[in-house]
Amino acid sequence: SIIVAYSLYAVLGARSQAMLLTVPFVMYGVFRVLFLIHHGSRLPDDPTIVVWQDRPLQACIVLWGVSAGLISALS
């Protein structure tokens, strides 16, 4: 439902249709967290620690922020 809600925002609520380019980052982030929750052997109880320790998820967050910022600045 998070992916659907973000996609609807990217289509209907954003200033530019180019925000649709950020949907793959959101999809990857959601599925990465689900993967870590279900297949992580040594996960801590605090989900924020998962985010701060997983480099691919951190890269996804940074890339999403840069792309969303650029799209917002250019539109």
N, C-alpha and C. Protein backbone atom coordinates (compact mmCIF):
# COMPACT_ATOMS: atom_id res chain seq x y z
N SER A 1 0.81 -1.19 0.00
CA SER A 1 0.00 0.00 0.00
C SER A 1 0.86 1.27 0.00
N ILE A 2 2.07 1.18 0.58
CA ILE A 2 2.96 2.34 0.57
C ILE A 2 3.37 2.67 -0.86
N ILE A 3 3.66 1.66 -1.63
CA ILE A 3 4.08 1.88 -3.01
C ILE A 3 2.95 2.49 -3.83
N VAL A 4 1.74 2.00 -3.64
CA VAL A 4 0.58 2.54 -4.35
C VAL A 4 0.33 3.99 -3.94
N ALA A 5 0.41 4.27 -2.65
CA ALA A 5 0.18 5.64 -2.17
C ALA A 5 1.23 6.59 -2.72
N TYR A 6 2.50 6.19 -2.72
CA TYR A 6 3.54 7.06 -3.25
C TYR A 6 3.39 7.25 -4.76
N SER A 7 3.01 6.19 -5.45
CA SER A 7 2.80 6.30 -6.90
C SER A 7 1.65 7.25 -7.21
N LEU A 8 0.58 7.17 -6.43
CA LEU A 8 -0.52 8.11 -6.62
C LEU A 8 -0.09 9.55 -6.35
N TYR A 9 0.73 9.73 -5.33
CA TYR A 9 1.26 11.07 -5.07
C TYR A 9 2.11 11.54 -6.25
N ALA A 10 2.94 10.66 -6.78
CA ALA A 10 3.82 11.05 -7.89
C ALA A 10 3.02 11.42 -9.13
N VAL A 11 1.87 10.79 -9.32
CA VAL A 11 1.04 11.07 -10.49
C VAL A 11 0.13 12.27 -10.25
N LEU A 12 -0.53 12.31 -9.10
CA LEU A 12 -1.58 13.31 -8.88
C LEU A 12 -1.16 14.50 -8.02
N GLY A 13 -0.27 14.30 -7.06
CA GLY A 13 0.00 15.35 -6.10
C GLY A 13 1.26 16.15 -6.34
N ALA A 14 2.19 15.60 -7.08
CA ALA A 14 3.47 16.29 -7.28
C ALA A 14 3.31 17.39 -8.32
N ARG A 15 4.25 18.35 -8.26
CA ARG A 15 4.21 19.45 -9.22
C ARG A 15 4.54 18.99 -10.64
N SER A 16 5.31 17.93 -10.75
CA SER A 16 5.78 17.48 -12.06
C SER A 16 5.54 15.98 -12.21
N GLN A 17 5.23 15.57 -13.41
CA GLN A 17 5.07 14.13 -13.69
C GLN A 17 6.41 13.41 -13.62
N ALA A 18 7.50 14.15 -13.61
CA ALA A 18 8.82 13.55 -13.53
C ALA A 18 9.06 12.86 -12.18
N MET A 19 8.22 13.15 -11.19
CA MET A 19 8.36 12.47 -9.90
C MET A 19 8.13 10.97 -10.04
N LEU A 20 7.52 10.55 -11.13
CA LEU A 20 7.37 9.11 -11.37
C LEU A 20 8.73 8.43 -11.48
N LEU A 21 9.77 9.18 -11.80
CA LEU A 21 11.11 8.60 -11.89
C LEU A 21 11.65 8.18 -10.53
N THR A 22 11.05 8.66 -9.45
CA THR A 22 11.50 8.29 -8.11
C THR A 22 10.79 7.06 -7.56
N VAL A 23 9.77 6.59 -8.23
CA VAL A 23 9.02 5.41 -7.75
C VAL A 23 9.91 4.17 -7.64
N PRO A 24 10.82 3.90 -8.58
CA PRO A 24 11.67 2.71 -8.40
C PRO A 24 12.53 2.74 -7.14
N PHE A 25 12.96 3.93 -6.72
CA PHE A 25 13.73 4.01 -5.47
C PHE A 25 12.87 3.63 -4.28
N VAL A 26 11.62 4.07 -4.27
CA VAL A 26 10.71 3.73 -3.18
C VAL A 26 10.41 2.23 -3.19
N MET A 27 10.20 1.68 -4.36
CA MET A 27 9.94 0.25 -4.46
C MET A 27 11.14 -0.55 -3.94
N TYR A 28 12.34 -0.18 -4.38
CA TYR A 28 13.53 -0.90 -3.92
C TYR A 28 13.67 -0.79 -2.40
N GLY A 29 13.46 0.41 -1.86
CA GLY A 29 13.59 0.59 -0.42
C GLY A 29 12.62 -0.25 0.37
N VAL A 30 11.38 -0.28 -0.06
CA VAL A 30 10.36 -1.08 0.65
C VAL A 30 10.70 -2.56 0.57
N PHE A 31 11.05 -3.03 -0.63
CA PHE A 31 11.36 -4.45 -0.76
C PHE A 31 12.67 -4.82 -0.06
N ARG A 32 13.62 -3.90 0.01
CA ARG A 32 14.87 -4.16 0.73
C ARG A 32 14.60 -4.32 2.22
N VAL A 33 13.78 -3.44 2.78
CA VAL A 33 13.44 -3.56 4.20
C VAL A 33 12.70 -4.86 4.47
N LEU A 34 11.76 -5.22 3.61
CA LEU A 34 11.05 -6.49 3.78
C LEU A 34 12.00 -7.68 3.70
N PHE A 35 12.95 -7.61 2.77
CA PHE A 35 13.95 -8.67 2.65
C PHE A 35 14.77 -8.78 3.93
N LEU A 36 15.22 -7.65 4.44
CA LEU A 36 16.03 -7.68 5.65
C LEU A 36 15.25 -8.19 6.86
N ILE A 37 13.97 -7.84 6.92
CA ILE A 37 13.16 -8.30 8.04
C ILE A 37 12.94 -9.81 7.99
N HIS A 38 12.66 -10.34 6.79
CA HIS A 38 12.31 -11.76 6.67
C HIS A 38 13.50 -12.68 6.49
N HIS A 39 14.62 -12.18 5.97
CA HIS A 39 15.76 -13.04 5.69
C HIS A 39 17.02 -12.65 6.45
N GLY A 40 16.96 -11.61 7.23
CA GLY A 40 18.13 -11.20 8.01
C GLY A 40 18.32 -12.13 9.19
N SER A 41 19.50 -12.65 9.33
CA SER A 41 19.72 -13.61 10.41
C SER A 41 20.03 -12.91 11.74
N ARG A 42 20.64 -11.71 11.69
CA ARG A 42 21.04 -11.03 12.91
C ARG A 42 20.42 -9.64 12.98
N LEU A 43 19.14 -9.55 12.85
CA LEU A 43 18.49 -8.24 12.89
C LEU A 43 18.26 -7.78 14.32
N PRO A 44 18.57 -6.54 14.60
CA PRO A 44 18.24 -6.00 15.93
C PRO A 44 16.74 -5.73 16.06
N ASP A 45 16.31 -5.46 17.26
CA ASP A 45 14.89 -5.19 17.50
C ASP A 45 14.47 -3.82 16.97
N ASP A 46 15.39 -2.89 16.91
CA ASP A 46 15.08 -1.52 16.50
C ASP A 46 15.23 -1.38 14.98
N PRO A 47 14.16 -1.06 14.26
CA PRO A 47 14.25 -0.96 12.80
C PRO A 47 15.14 0.18 12.32
N THR A 48 15.35 1.20 13.14
CA THR A 48 16.23 2.28 12.70
C THR A 48 17.68 1.82 12.61
N ILE A 49 18.04 0.86 13.42
CA ILE A 49 19.40 0.30 13.33
C ILE A 49 19.58 -0.44 12.02
N VAL A 50 18.54 -1.10 11.55
CA VAL A 50 18.60 -1.79 10.25
C VAL A 50 18.90 -0.78 9.15
N VAL A 51 18.24 0.35 9.18
CA VAL A 51 18.44 1.38 8.15
C VAL A 51 19.85 1.93 8.22
N TRP A 52 20.35 2.19 9.41
CA TRP A 52 21.68 2.80 9.55
C TRP A 52 22.81 1.83 9.28
N GLN A 53 22.56 0.53 9.30
CA GLN A 53 23.63 -0.44 9.07
C GLN A 53 23.63 -1.03 7.67
N ASP A 54 22.60 -0.86 6.90
CA ASP A 54 22.50 -1.47 5.58
C ASP A 54 22.92 -0.46 4.50
N ARG A 55 24.08 -0.67 3.90
CA ARG A 55 24.62 0.27 2.90
C ARG A 55 23.76 0.37 1.64
N PRO A 56 23.24 -0.72 1.07
CA PRO A 56 22.39 -0.56 -0.11
C PRO A 56 21.13 0.26 0.16
N LEU A 57 20.56 0.11 1.33
CA LEU A 57 19.38 0.90 1.68
C LEU A 57 19.74 2.37 1.87
N GLN A 58 20.90 2.63 2.46
CA GLN A 58 21.36 4.01 2.60
C GLN A 58 21.58 4.65 1.24
N ALA A 59 22.18 3.90 0.32
CA ALA A 59 22.41 4.42 -1.03
C ALA A 59 21.09 4.73 -1.72
N CYS A 60 20.10 3.87 -1.53
CA CYS A 60 18.78 4.09 -2.12
C CYS A 60 18.15 5.36 -1.57
N ILE A 61 18.26 5.59 -0.28
CA ILE A 61 17.68 6.78 0.34
C ILE A 61 18.35 8.04 -0.20
N VAL A 62 19.68 8.01 -0.30
CA VAL A 62 20.41 9.17 -0.82
C VAL A 62 20.05 9.43 -2.28
N LEU A 63 20.00 8.38 -3.09
CA LEU A 63 19.65 8.55 -4.50
C LEU A 63 18.22 9.07 -4.67
N TRP A 64 17.30 8.58 -3.83
CA TRP A 64 15.93 9.09 -3.89
C TRP A 64 15.90 10.57 -3.54
N GLY A 65 16.60 10.94 -2.48
CA GLY A 65 16.62 12.34 -2.06
C GLY A 65 17.21 13.26 -3.11
N VAL A 66 18.31 12.83 -3.73
CA VAL A 66 18.93 13.64 -4.77
C VAL A 66 18.01 13.77 -5.97
N SER A 67 17.43 12.65 -6.41
CA SER A 67 16.56 12.71 -7.59
C SER A 67 15.29 13.52 -7.31
N ALA A 68 14.68 13.33 -6.15
CA ALA A 68 13.47 14.11 -5.83
C ALA A 68 13.80 15.58 -5.67
N GLY A 69 14.94 15.89 -5.08
CA GLY A 69 15.34 17.29 -4.95
C GLY A 69 15.60 17.95 -6.29
N LEU A 70 16.28 17.25 -7.18
CA LEU A 70 16.55 17.79 -8.51
C LEU A 70 15.27 18.00 -9.31
N ILE A 71 14.39 17.02 -9.23
CA ILE A 71 13.12 17.14 -9.95
C ILE A 71 12.30 18.31 -9.41
N SER A 72 12.28 18.45 -8.09
CA SER A 72 11.52 19.56 -7.50
C SER A 72 12.14 20.90 -7.84
N ALA A 73 13.46 20.95 -7.86
CA ALA A 73 14.15 22.21 -8.16
C ALA A 73 13.99 22.62 -9.63
N LEU A 74 13.93 21.65 -10.51
CA LEU A 74 13.85 21.93 -11.93
C LEU A 74 12.43 22.14 -12.44
N SER A 75 11.44 21.81 -11.62
CA SER A 75 10.06 21.98 -12.10
C SER A 75 9.43 23.23 -11.57
